[in-house]
């Protein structure tokens, strides 16, 4: 093997190894910028924390003046008891009887 046949593969190998490293050094590195987080209120509106603190103070002031509100009473029993004698949703006989036995309009508005 001649010296020329040895040099060509070695030079190609060196170029293959050195080429990408030289290309990386030639590229300018992008500048790393710090993130800027904007925390200013929008349109002059208060932030969540400020709004929460204001409402807490207002609730304390109102509780001191009027006391705490009573707990809500569920009305489900009252609403379902309004059905009266109806046994089911398809039994409208009681309602029909009430309508038929109701006083007539001419009787209620008649002059005495």
PDB file of N, CA and C in Angstrom:
ATOM      1  N   UNK A   1       0.828  -1.164   0.000  1.00  0.00           N
ATOM      2  CA  UNK A   1       0.000   0.000   0.000  1.00  0.00           C
ATOM      3  C   UNK A   1       0.883   1.241   0.000  1.00  0.00           C
ATOM      4  N   UNK A   2       0.521   2.151  -0.803  1.00  0.00           N
ATOM      5  CA  UNK A   2       1.338   3.348  -0.924  1.00  0.00           C
ATOM      6  C   UNK A   2       0.950   4.354   0.159  1.00  0.00           C
ATOM      7  N   UNK A   3       1.754   5.320   0.331  1.00  0.00           N
ATOM      8  CA  UNK A   3       1.528   6.342   1.345  1.00  0.00           C
ATOM      9  C   UNK A   3       0.313   7.198   0.997  1.00  0.00           C
ATOM     10  N   UNK A   4       0.083   7.356  -0.291  1.00  0.00           N
ATOM     11  CA  UNK A   4      -1.051   8.177  -0.736  1.00  0.00           C
ATOM     12  C   UNK A   4      -2.380   7.508  -0.396  1.00  0.00           C
ATOM     13  N   UNK A   5      -2.448   6.194  -0.517  1.00  0.00           N
ATOM     14  CA  UNK A   5      -3.682   5.499  -0.209  1.00  0.00           C
ATOM     15  C   UNK A   5      -3.947   5.484   1.286  1.00  0.00           C
ATOM     16  N   UNK A   6      -2.912   5.644   2.089  1.00  0.00           N
ATOM     17  CA  UNK A   6      -3.105   5.710   3.529  1.00  0.00           C
ATOM     18  C   UNK A   6      -3.514   7.119   3.972  1.00  0.00           C
ATOM     19  N   UNK A   7      -3.015   8.106   3.326  1.00  0.00           N
ATOM     20  CA  UNK A   7      -3.258   9.480   3.734  1.00  0.00           C
ATOM     21  C   UNK A   7      -4.699   9.907   3.429  1.00  0.00           C
ATOM     22  N   UNK A   8      -5.228   9.484   2.308  1.00  0.00           N
ATOM     23  CA  UNK A   8      -6.582   9.906   1.918  1.00  0.00           C
ATOM     24  C   UNK A   8      -7.630   9.427   2.936  1.00  0.00           C
ATOM     25  N   UNK A   9      -7.656   8.134   3.319  1.00  0.00           N
ATOM     26  CA  UNK A   9      -8.658   7.734   4.313  1.00  0.00           C
ATOM     27  C   UNK A   9      -8.440   8.408   5.672  1.00  0.00           C
ATOM     28  N   UNK A  10      -7.178   8.611   6.068  1.00  0.00           N
ATOM     29  CA  UNK A  10      -6.921   9.271   7.338  1.00  0.00           C
ATOM     30  C   UNK A  10      -7.375  10.734   7.308  1.00  0.00           C
ATOM     31  N   UNK A  11      -7.142  11.402   6.203  1.00  0.00           N
ATOM     32  CA  UNK A  11      -7.561  12.806   6.117  1.00  0.00           C
ATOM     33  C   UNK A  11      -9.083  12.914   6.102  1.00  0.00           C
ATOM     34  N   UNK A  12      -9.763  11.965   5.461  1.00  0.00           N
ATOM     35  CA  UNK A  12     -11.224  11.970   5.474  1.00  0.00           C
ATOM     36  C   UNK A  12     -11.758  11.712   6.880  1.00  0.00           C
ATOM     37  N   UNK A  13     -11.095  10.809   7.589  1.00  0.00           N
ATOM     38  CA  UNK A  13     -11.503  10.529   8.962  1.00  0.00           C
ATOM     39  C   UNK A  13     -11.315  11.758   9.863  1.00  0.00           C
ATOM     40  N   UNK A  14     -10.212  12.438   9.704  1.00  0.00           N
ATOM     41  CA  UNK A  14      -9.952  13.640  10.513  1.00  0.00           C
ATOM     42  C   UNK A  14     -10.969  14.734  10.182  1.00  0.00           C
ATOM     43  N   UNK A  15     -11.274  14.915   8.908  1.00  0.00           N
ATOM     44  CA  UNK A  15     -12.270  15.920   8.525  1.00  0.00           C
ATOM     45  C   UNK A  15     -13.656  15.573   9.066  1.00  0.00           C
ATOM     46  N   UNK A  16     -13.982  14.277   9.074  1.00  0.00           N
ATOM     47  CA  UNK A  16     -15.290  13.860   9.590  1.00  0.00           C
ATOM     48  C   UNK A  16     -15.407  14.128  11.081  1.00  0.00           C
ATOM     49  N   UNK A  17     -14.303  14.001  11.808  1.00  0.00           N
ATOM     50  CA  UNK A  17     -14.333  14.228  13.248  1.00  0.00           C
ATOM     51  C   UNK A  17     -14.220  15.720  13.604  1.00  0.00           C
ATOM     52  N   UNK A  18     -13.435  16.458  12.889  1.00  0.00           N
ATOM     53  CA  UNK A  18     -13.182  17.854  13.222  1.00  0.00           C
ATOM     54  C   UNK A  18     -14.236  18.776  12.613  1.00  0.00           C
ATOM     55  N   UNK A  19     -14.834  18.394  11.504  1.00  0.00           N
ATOM     56  CA  UNK A  19     -15.791  19.253  10.800  1.00  0.00           C
ATOM     57  C   UNK A  19     -16.968  19.695  11.652  1.00  0.00           C
ATOM     58  N   UNK A  20     -17.732  18.782  12.293  1.00  0.00           N
ATOM     59  CA  UNK A  20     -18.867  19.220  13.117  1.00  0.00           C
ATOM     60  C   UNK A  20     -18.449  20.079  14.308  1.00  0.00           C
ATOM     61  N   UNK A  21     -17.306  19.788  14.902  1.00  0.00           N
ATOM     62  CA  UNK A  21     -16.840  20.591  16.036  1.00  0.00           C
ATOM     63  C   UNK A  21     -16.505  22.004  15.592  1.00  0.00           C
ATOM     64  N   UNK A  22     -15.894  22.138  14.438  1.00  0.00           N
ATOM     65  CA  UNK A  22     -15.560  23.474  13.931  1.00  0.00           C
ATOM     66  C   UNK A  22     -16.833  24.230  13.544  1.00  0.00           C
ATOM     67  N   UNK A  23     -17.842  23.518  13.011  1.00  0.00           N
ATOM     68  CA  UNK A  23     -19.091  24.176  12.626  1.00  0.00           C
ATOM     69  C   UNK A  23     -19.847  24.679  13.861  1.00  0.00           C
ATOM     70  N   UNK A  24     -19.784  23.916  14.955  1.00  0.00           N
ATOM     71  CA  UNK A  24     -20.468  24.355  16.177  1.00  0.00           C
ATOM     72  C   UNK A  24     -19.795  25.597  16.764  1.00  0.00           C
ATOM     73  N   UNK A  25     -18.507  25.651  16.683  1.00  0.00           N
ATOM     74  CA  UNK A  25     -17.808  26.813  17.211  1.00  0.00           C
ATOM     75  C   UNK A  25     -18.046  28.044  16.351  1.00  0.00           C
ATOM     76  N   UNK A  26     -18.291  27.850  15.081  1.00  0.00           N
ATOM     77  CA  UNK A  26     -18.485  28.974  14.181  1.00  0.00           C
ATOM     78  C   UNK A  26     -19.865  29.604  14.377  1.00  0.00           C
ATOM     79  N   UNK A  27     -20.872  28.816  14.806  1.00  0.00           N
ATOM     80  CA  UNK A  27     -22.216  29.357  14.992  1.00  0.00           C
ATOM     81  C   UNK A  27     -22.249  30.250  16.227  1.00  0.00           C
ATOM     82  N   UNK A  28     -22.921  31.398  16.123  1.00  0.00           N
ATOM     83  CA  UNK A  28     -23.059  32.223  17.328  1.00  0.00           C
ATOM     84  C   UNK A  28     -24.092  31.599  18.262  1.00  0.00           C
ATOM     85  N   UNK A  29     -23.781  31.569  19.516  1.00  0.00           N
ATOM     86  CA  UNK A  29     -24.688  30.994  20.514  1.00  0.00           C
ATOM     87  C   UNK A  29     -25.818  31.988  20.788  1.00  0.00           C
ATOM     88  N   UNK A  30     -27.063  31.507  20.844  1.00  0.00           N
ATOM     89  CA  UNK A  30     -28.158  32.434  21.144  1.00  0.00           C
ATOM     90  C   UNK A  30     -28.057  32.924  22.592  1.00  0.00           C
ATOM     91  N   UNK A  31     -28.447  34.166  22.789  1.00  0.00           N
ATOM     92  CA  UNK A  31     -28.388  34.733  24.124  1.00  0.00           C
ATOM     93  C   UNK A  31     -29.530  34.173  24.968  1.00  0.00           C
ATOM     94  N   UNK A  32     -29.221  33.824  26.183  1.00  0.00           N
ATOM     95  CA  UNK A  32     -30.233  33.322  27.100  1.00  0.00           C
ATOM     96  C   UNK A  32     -30.828  34.524  27.828  1.00  0.00           C
ATOM     97  N   UNK A  33     -32.151  34.687  27.662  1.00  0.00           N
ATOM     98  CA  UNK A  33     -32.806  35.832  28.278  1.00  0.00           C
ATOM     99  C   UNK A  33     -33.621  35.357  29.470  1.00  0.00           C
ATOM    100  N   UNK A  34     -33.628  36.159  30.506  1.00  0.00           N
ATOM    101  CA  UNK A  34     -34.443  35.839  31.670  1.00  0.00           C
ATOM    102  C   UNK A  34     -35.907  36.049  31.339  1.00  0.00           C
ATOM    103  N   UNK A  35     -36.764  35.209  31.929  1.00  0.00           N
ATOM    104  CA  UNK A  35     -38.204  35.377  31.720  1.00  0.00           C
ATOM    105  C   UNK A  35     -38.688  36.558  32.537  1.00  0.00           C
ATOM    106  N   UNK A  36     -39.555  37.327  31.933  1.00  0.00           N
ATOM    107  CA  UNK A  36     -40.156  38.457  32.628  1.00  0.00           C
ATOM    108  C   UNK A  36     -41.611  38.100  32.872  1.00  0.00           C
ATOM    109  N   UNK A  37     -41.988  37.977  34.133  1.00  0.00           N
ATOM    110  CA  UNK A  37     -43.359  37.632  34.496  1.00  0.00           C
ATOM    111  C   UNK A  37     -44.058  38.908  34.927  1.00  0.00           C
ATOM    112  N   UNK A  38     -45.098  39.249  34.220  1.00  0.00           N
ATOM    113  CA  UNK A  38     -45.841  40.470  34.511  1.00  0.00           C
ATOM    114  C   UNK A  38     -46.932  40.131  35.520  1.00  0.00           C
ATOM    115  N   UNK A  39     -46.904  40.802  36.647  1.00  0.00           N
ATOM    116  CA  UNK A  39     -47.896  40.536  37.691  1.00  0.00           C
ATOM    117  C   UNK A  39     -48.753  41.756  37.981  1.00  0.00           C
ATOM    118  N   UNK A  40     -48.705  42.736  37.108  1.00  0.00           N
ATOM    119  CA  UNK A  40     -49.491  43.955  37.334  1.00  0.00           C
ATOM    120  C   UNK A  40     -50.973  43.653  37.144  1.00  0.00           C
ATOM    121  N   UNK A  41     -51.859  44.298  37.902  1.00  0.00           N
ATOM    122  CA  UNK A  41     -53.292  44.072  37.724  1.00  0.00           C
ATOM    123  C   UNK A  41     -53.747  44.608  36.371  1.00  0.00           C
ATOM    124  N   UNK A  42     -54.744  43.951  35.813  1.00  0.00           N
ATOM    125  CA  UNK A  42     -55.270  44.370  34.518  1.00  0.00           C
ATOM    126  C   UNK A  42     -56.369  45.394  34.715  1.00  0.00           C
ATOM    127  N   UNK A  43     -56.339  46.420  33.929  1.00  0.00           N
ATOM    128  CA  UNK A  43     -57.377  47.450  33.921  1.00  0.00           C
ATOM    129  C   UNK A  43     -57.635  48.026  35.313  1.00  0.00           C
ATOM    130  N   UNK A  44     -56.642  48.035  36.159  1.00  0.00           N
ATOM    131  CA  UNK A  44     -56.813  48.592  37.478  1.00  0.00           C
ATOM    132  C   UNK A  44     -57.613  47.721  38.430  1.00  0.00           C
ATOM    133  N   UNK A  45     -57.877  46.481  38.059  1.00  0.00           N
ATOM    134  CA  UNK A  45     -58.649  45.581  38.929  1.00  0.00           C
ATOM    135  C   UNK A  45     -57.744  45.025  40.023  1.00  0.00           C
ATOM    136  N   UNK A  46     -58.293  44.779  41.224  1.00  0.00           N
ATOM    137  CA  UNK A  46     -57.458  44.213  42.293  1.00  0.00           C
ATOM    138  C   UNK A  46     -57.147  42.747  42.004  1.00  0.00           C
ATOM    139  N   UNK A  47     -56.047  42.288  42.562  1.00  0.00           N
ATOM    140  CA  UNK A  47     -55.667  40.894  42.411  1.00  0.00           C
ATOM    141  C   UNK A  47     -56.525  40.003  43.298  1.00  0.00           C
ATOM    142  N   UNK A  48     -56.340  38.691  43.162  1.00  0.00           N
ATOM    143  CA  UNK A  48     -57.141  37.739  43.939  1.00  0.00           C
ATOM    144  C   UNK A  48     -56.927  37.922  45.428  1.00  0.00           C
ATOM    145  N   UNK A  49     -55.679  38.041  45.837  1.00  0.00           N
ATOM    146  CA  UNK A  49     -55.372  38.148  47.270  1.00  0.00           C
ATOM    147  C   UNK A  49     -55.988  39.417  47.860  1.00  0.00           C
ATOM    148  N   UNK A  50     -55.841  40.529  47.162  1.00  0.00           N
ATOM    149  CA  UNK A  50     -56.383  41.792  47.656  1.00  0.00           C
ATOM    150  C   UNK A  50     -57.905  41.735  47.739  1.00  0.00           C
ATOM    151  N   UNK A  51     -58.532  41.141  46.753  1.00  0.00           N
ATOM    152  CA  UNK A  51     -59.988  41.013  46.748  1.00  0.00           C
ATOM    153  C   UNK A  51     -60.454  40.106  47.886  1.00  0.00           C
ATOM    154  N   UNK A  52     -59.749  38.997  48.097  1.00  0.00           N
ATOM    155  CA  UNK A  52     -60.108  38.060  49.168  1.00  0.00           C
ATOM    156  C   UNK A  52     -59.988  38.718  50.539  1.00  0.00           C
ATOM    157  N   UNK A  53     -58.922  39.484  50.747  1.00  0.00           N
ATOM    158  CA  UNK A  53     -58.750  40.164  52.031  1.00  0.00           C
ATOM    159  C   UNK A  53     -59.849  41.193  52.254  1.00  0.00           C
ATOM    160  N   UNK A  54     -60.224  41.920  51.218  1.00  0.00           N
ATOM    161  CA  UNK A  54     -61.294  42.911  51.349  1.00  0.00           C
ATOM    162  C   UNK A  54     -62.613  42.235  51.733  1.00  0.00           C
ATOM    163  N   UNK A  55     -62.940  41.123  51.074  1.00  0.00           N
ATOM    164  CA  UNK A  55     -64.196  40.433  51.369  1.00  0.00           C
ATOM    165  C   UNK A  55     -64.196  39.850  52.780  1.00  0.00           C
ATOM    166  N   UNK A  56     -63.063  39.323  53.225  1.00  0.00           N
ATOM    167  CA  UNK A  56     -62.976  38.793  54.586  1.00  0.00           C
ATOM    168  C   UNK A  56     -63.230  39.895  55.609  1.00  0.00           C
ATOM    169  N   UNK A  57     -62.639  41.076  55.390  1.00  0.00           N
ATOM    170  CA  UNK A  57     -62.859  42.196  56.309  1.00  0.00           C
ATOM    171  C   UNK A  57     -64.325  42.619  56.299  1.00  0.00           C
ATOM    172  N   UNK A  58     -64.925  42.644  55.116  1.00  0.00           N
ATOM    173  CA  UNK A  58     -66.326  43.051  55.018  1.00  0.00           C
ATOM    174  C   UNK A  58     -67.240  42.044  55.713  1.00  0.00           C
ATOM    175  N   UNK A  59     -66.971  40.744  55.549  1.00  0.00           N
ATOM    176  CA  UNK A  59     -67.773  39.712  56.230  1.00  0.00           C
ATOM    177  C   UNK A  59     -67.637  39.846  57.746  1.00  0.00           C
ATOM    178  N   UNK A  60     -66.437  40.081  58.225  1.00  0.00           N
ATOM    179  CA  UNK A  60     -66.247  40.240  59.669  1.00  0.00           C
ATOM    180  C   UNK A  60     -67.009  41.448  60.181  1.00  0.00           C
ATOM    181  N   UNK A  61     -66.995  42.552  59.436  1.00  0.00           N
ATOM    182  CA  UNK A  61     -67.720  43.752  59.850  1.00  0.00           C
ATOM    183  C   UNK A  61     -69.227  43.487  59.897  1.00  0.00           C
ATOM    184  N   UNK A  62     -69.755  42.795  58.856  1.00  0.00           N
ATOM    185  CA  UNK A  62     -71.195  42.516  58.826  1.00  0.00           C
ATOM    186  C   UNK A  62     -71.604  41.511  59.908  1.00  0.00           C
ATOM    187  N   UNK A  63     -70.756  40.512  60.173  1.00  0.00           N
ATOM    188  CA  UNK A  63     -71.066  39.546  61.232  1.00  0.00           C
ATOM    189  C   UNK A  63     -71.071  40.224  62.591  1.00  0.00           C
ATOM    190  N   UNK A  64     -70.188  41.217  62.777  1.00  0.00           N
ATOM    191  CA  UNK A  64     -70.171  41.946  64.046  1.00  0.00           C
ATOM    192  C   UNK A  64     -71.439  42.786  64.207  1.00  0.00           C
ATOM    193  N   UNK A  65     -71.951  43.338  63.107  1.00  0.00           N
ATOM    194  CA  UNK A  65     -73.153  44.179  63.177  1.00  0.00           C
ATOM    195  C   UNK A  65     -74.426  43.343  63.313  1.00  0.00           C
ATOM    196  N   UNK A  66     -74.560  42.291  62.504  1.00  0.00           N
ATOM    197  CA  UNK A  66     -75.819  41.558  62.418  1.00  0.00           C
ATOM    198  C   UNK A  66     -75.753  40.127  62.932  1.00  0.00           C
ATOM    199  N   UNK A  67     -74.596  39.637  63.261  1.00  0.00           N
ATOM    200  CA  UNK A  67     -74.454  38.242  63.663  1.00  0.00           C
ATOM    201  C   UNK A  67     -74.341  37.353  62.426  1.00  0.00           C
ATOM    202  N   UNK A  68     -74.026  36.114  62.660  1.00  0.00           N
ATOM    203  CA  UNK A  68     -73.883  35.190  61.523  1.00  0.00           C
ATOM    204  C   UNK A  68     -75.257  34.808  60.997  1.00  0.00           C
ATOM    205  N   UNK A  69     -75.378  34.621  59.675  1.00  0.00           N
ATOM    206  CA  UNK A  69     -76.687  34.250  59.122  1.00  0.00           C
ATOM    207  C   UNK A  69     -77.070  32.831  59.525  1.00  0.00           C
ATOM    208  N   UNK A  70     -78.380  32.603  59.592  1.00  0.00           N
ATOM    209  CA  UNK A  70     -78.853  31.262  59.933  1.00  0.00           C
ATOM    210  C   UNK A  70     -78.548  30.308  58.779  1.00  0.00           C
ATOM    211  N   UNK A  71     -78.401  29.045  59.120  1.00  0.00           N
ATOM    212  CA  UNK A  71     -78.154  28.045  58.082  1.00  0.00           C
ATOM    213  C   UNK A  71     -79.403  27.890  57.221  1.00  0.00           C
ATOM    214  N   UNK A  72     -79.221  27.637  55.961  1.00  0.00           N
ATOM    215  CA  UNK A  72     -80.350  27.483  55.049  1.00  0.00           C
ATOM    216  C   UNK A  72     -81.114  26.205  55.384  1.00  0.00           C
ATOM    217  N   UNK A  73     -82.434  26.316  55.406  1.00  0.00           N
ATOM    218  CA  UNK A  73     -83.280  25.156  55.686  1.00  0.00           C
ATOM    219  C   UNK A  73     -83.773  24.572  54.362  1.00  0.00           C
ATOM    220  N   UNK A  74     -83.525  23.316  54.110  1.00  0.00           N
ATOM    221  CA  UNK A  74     -84.016  22.737  52.863  1.00  0.00           C
ATOM    222  C   UNK A  74     -85.539  22.679  52.853  1.00  0.00           C
ATOM    223  N   UNK A  75     -86.149  22.984  51.714  1.00  0.00           N
ATOM    224  CA  UNK A  75     -87.602  23.024  51.613  1.00  0.00           C
ATOM    225  C   UNK A  75     -88.146  21.854  50.815  1.00  0.00           C
ATOM    226  N   UNK A  76     -87.355  20.851  50.575  1.00  0.00           N
ATOM    227  CA  UNK A  76     -87.798  19.729  49.751  1.00  0.00           C
ATOM    228  C   UNK A  76     -89.040  19.049  50.301  1.00  0.00           C
ATOM    229  N   UNK A  77     -89.117  18.859  51.629  1.00  0.00           N
ATOM    230  CA  UNK A  77     -90.282  18.195  52.218  1.00  0.00           C
ATOM    231  C   UNK A  77     -91.548  19.023  52.009  1.00  0.00           C
ATOM    232  N   UNK A  78     -91.438  20.328  52.141  1.00  0.00           N
ATOM    233  CA  UNK A  78     -92.603  21.188  51.942  1.00  0.00           C
ATOM    234  C   UNK A  78     -93.072  21.145  50.497  1.00  0.00           C
ATOM    235  N   UNK A  79     -92.145  21.149  49.576  1.00  0.00           N
ATOM    236  CA  UNK A  79     -92.519  21.157  48.159  1.00  0.00           C
ATOM    237  C   UNK A  79     -93.197  19.852  47.780  1.00  0.00           C
ATOM    238  N   UNK A  80     -92.644  18.739  48.231  1.00  0.00           N
ATOM    239  CA  UNK A  80     -93.234  17.452  47.865  1.00  0.00           C
ATOM    240  C   UNK A  80     -94.539  17.180  48.616  1.00  0.00           C
ATOM    241  N   UNK A  81     -94.713  17.784  49.790  1.00  0.00           N
ATOM    242  CA  UNK A  81     -95.948  17.596  50.532  1.00  0.00           C
ATOM    243  C   UNK A  81     -97.094  18.403  49.922  1.00  0.00           C
ATOM    244  N   UNK A  82     -96.785  19.356  49.054  1.00  0.00           N
ATOM    245  CA  UNK A  82     -97.818  20.203  48.450  1.00  0.00           C
ATOM    246  C   UNK A  82     -98.706  19.408  47.492  1.00  0.00           C
ATOM    247  N   UNK A  83     -98.304  18.216  47.137  1.00  0.00           N
ATOM    248  CA  UNK A  83     -99.109  17.403  46.222  1.00  0.00           C
ATOM    249  C   UNK A  83    -100.412  16.952  46.835  1.00  0.00           C
ATOM    250  N   UNK A  84    -100.503  16.932  48.121  1.00  0.00           N
ATOM    251  CA  UNK A  84    -101.741  16.564  48.791  1.00  0.00           C
ATOM    252  C   UNK A  84    -102.046  15.082  48.647  1.00  0.00           C
ATOM    253  N   UNK A  85    -103.235  14.784  48.166  1.00  0.00           N
ATOM    254  CA  UNK A  85    -103.693  13.396  48.125  1.00  0.00           C
ATOM    255  C   UNK A  85    -103.249  12.654  46.878  1.00  0.00           C
ATOM    256  N   UNK A  86    -102.473  13.274  46.048  1.00  0.00           N
ATOM    257  CA  UNK A  86    -102.031  12.592  44.825  1.00  0.00           C
ATOM    258  C   UNK A  86    -101.108  11.435  45.184  1.00  0.00           C
ATOM    259  N   UNK A  87    -101.357  10.293  44.606  1.00  0.00           N
ATOM    260  CA  UNK A  87    -100.536   9.112  44.877  1.00  0.00           C
ATOM    261  C   UNK A  87     -99.356   9.019  43.931  1.00  0.00           C
ATOM    262  N   UNK A  88     -99.455   9.616  42.795  1.00  0.00           N
ATOM    263  CA  UNK A  88     -98.381   9.537  41.807  1.00  0.00           C
ATOM    264  C   UNK A  88     -98.502  10.685  40.826  1.00  0.00           C
ATOM    265  N   UNK A  89     -97.534  10.836  39.968  1.00  0.00           N
ATOM    266  CA  UNK A  89     -97.566  11.956  39.031  1.00  0.00           C
ATOM    267  C   UNK A  89     -98.663  11.828  37.975  1.00  0.00           C
ATOM    268  N   UNK A  90     -99.163  10.632  37.739  1.00  0.00           N
ATOM    269  CA  UNK A  90    -100.202  10.447  36.727  1.00  0.00           C
ATOM    270  C   UNK A  90    -101.612  10.446  37.316  1.00  0.00           C
ATOM    271  N   UNK A  91    -101.748  10.559  38.626  1.00  0.00           N
ATOM    272  CA  UNK A  91    -103.048  10.574  39.275  1.00  0.00           C
ATOM    273  C   UNK A  91    -103.460  12.034  39.483  1.00  0.00           C
ATOM    274  N   UNK A  92    -104.287  12.530  38.591  1.00  0.00           N
ATOM    275  CA  UNK A  92    -104.695  13.934  38.669  1.00  0.00           C
ATOM    276  C   UNK A  92    -106.155  14.074  39.099  1.00  0.00           C
ATOM    277  N   UNK A  93    -106.698  13.040  39.671  1.00  0.00           N
ATOM    278  CA  UNK A  93    -108.117  13.096  40.019  1.00  0.00           C
ATOM    279  C   UNK A  93    -108.397  14.135  41.103  1.00  0.00           C
ATOM    280  N   UNK A  94    -107.484  14.284  42.081  1.00  0.00           N
ATOM    281  CA  UNK A  94    -107.695  15.263  43.142  1.00  0.00           C
ATOM    282  C   UNK A  94    -107.680  16.669  42.562  1.00  0.00           C
ATOM    283  N   UNK A  95    -106.751  16.942  41.656  1.00  0.00           N
ATOM    284  CA  UNK A  95    -106.679  18.267  41.044  1.00  0.00           C
ATOM    285  C   UNK A  95    -107.916  18.525  40.193  1.00  0.00           C
ATOM    286  N   UNK A  96    -108.369  17.512  39.495  1.00  0.00           N
ATOM    287  CA  UNK A  96    -109.559  17.655  38.658  1.00  0.00           C
ATOM    288  C   UNK A  96    -110.788  17.965  39.528  1.00  0.00           C
ATOM    289  N   UNK A  97    -110.894  17.296  40.664  1.00  0.00           N
ATOM    290  CA  UNK A  97    -112.016  17.552  41.580  1.00  0.00           C
ATOM    291  C   UNK A  97    -111.964  18.978  42.136  1.00  0.00           C
ATOM    292  N   UNK A  98    -110.771  19.446  42.470  1.00  0.00           N
ATOM    293  CA  UNK A  98    -110.649  20.805  42.980  1.00  0.00           C
ATOM    294  C   UNK A  98    -111.064  21.832  41.933  1.00  0.00           C
ATOM    295  N   UNK A  99    -110.713  21.593  40.693  1.00  0.00           N
ATOM    296  CA  UNK A  99    -111.077  22.532  39.631  1.00  0.00           C
ATOM    297  C   UNK A  99    -112.579  22.521  39.397  1.00  0.00           C
ATOM    298  N   UNK A 100    -113.169  21.346  39.384  1.00  0.00           N
ATOM    299  CA  UNK A 100    -114.609  21.258  39.134  1.00  0.00           C
ATOM    300  C   UNK A 100    -115.426  21.836  40.293  1.00  0.00           C
ATOM    301  N   UNK A 101    -114.936  21.702  41.515  1.00  0.00           N
ATOM    302  CA  UNK A 101    -115.678  22.187  42.679  1.00  0.00           C
ATOM    303  C   UNK A 101    -115.342  23.625  43.061  1.00  0.00           C
ATOM    304  N   UNK A 102    -114.447  24.274  42.317  1.00  0.00           N
ATOM    305  CA  UNK A 102    -114.081  25.647  42.632  1.00  0.00           C
ATOM    306  C   UNK A 102    -115.255  26.570  42.347  1.00  0.00           C
ATOM    307  N   UNK A 103    -115.401  27.647  43.123  1.00  0.00           N
ATOM    308  CA  UNK A 103    -116.508  28.582  42.862  1.00  0.00           C
ATOM    309  C   UNK A 103    -116.319  29.259  41.507  1.00  0.00           C
ATOM    310  N   UNK A 104    -117.396  29.557  40.844  1.00  0.00           N
ATOM    311  CA  UNK A 104    -117.364  30.183  39.529  1.00  0.00           C
ATOM    312  C   UNK A 104    -117.000  31.658  39.668  1.00  0.00           C
ATOM    313  N   UNK A 105    -116.431  32.195  38.638  1.00  0.00           N
ATOM    314  CA  UNK A 105    -116.006  33.577  38.647  1.00  0.00           C
ATOM    315  C   UNK A 105    -117.187  34.521  38.841  1.00  0.00           C
ATOM    316  N   UNK A 106    -118.333  34.209  38.206  1.00  0.00           N
ATOM    317  CA  UNK A 106    -119.506  35.087  38.352  1.00  0.00           C
ATOM    318  C   UNK A 106    -120.032  35.084  39.780  1.00  0.00           C
ATOM    319  N   UNK A 107    -119.796  33.962  40.511  1.00  0.00           N
ATOM    320  CA  UNK A 107    -120.223  33.905  41.901  1.00  0.00           C
ATOM    321  C   UNK A 107    -119.297  34.727  42.825  1.00  0.00           C
ATOM    322  N   UNK A 108    -118.028  34.724  42.517  1.00  0.00           N
ATOM    323  CA  UNK A 108    -117.083  35.433  43.377  1.00  0.00           C
ATOM    324  C   UNK A 108    -117.101  36.930  43.149  1.00  0.00           C
ATOM    325  N   UNK A 109    -117.409  37.373  41.922  1.00  0.00           N
ATOM    326  CA  UNK A 109    -117.433  38.793  41.614  1.00  0.00           C
ATOM    327  C   UNK A 109    -118.834  39.392  41.629  1.00  0.00           C
ATOM    328  N   UNK A 110    -119.818  38.610  41.994  1.00  0.00           N
ATOM    329  CA  UNK A 110    -121.199  39.107  41.992  1.00  0.00           C
ATOM    330  C   UNK A 110    -121.376  40.165  43.053  1.00  0.00           C
ATOM    331  N   UNK A 111    -122.155  41.177  42.714  1.00  0.00           N
ATOM    332  CA  UNK A 111    -122.417  42.244  43.663  1.00  0.00           C
ATOM    333  C   UNK A 111    -123.418  41.757  44.700  1.00  0.00           C
ATOM    334  N   UNK A 112    -123.151  42.026  45.949  1.00  0.00           N
ATOM    335  CA  UNK A 112    -124.072  41.585  47.015  1.00  0.00           C
ATOM    336  C   UNK A 112    -125.200  42.515  47.241  1.00  0.00           C
TER     337      UNK A 112
END
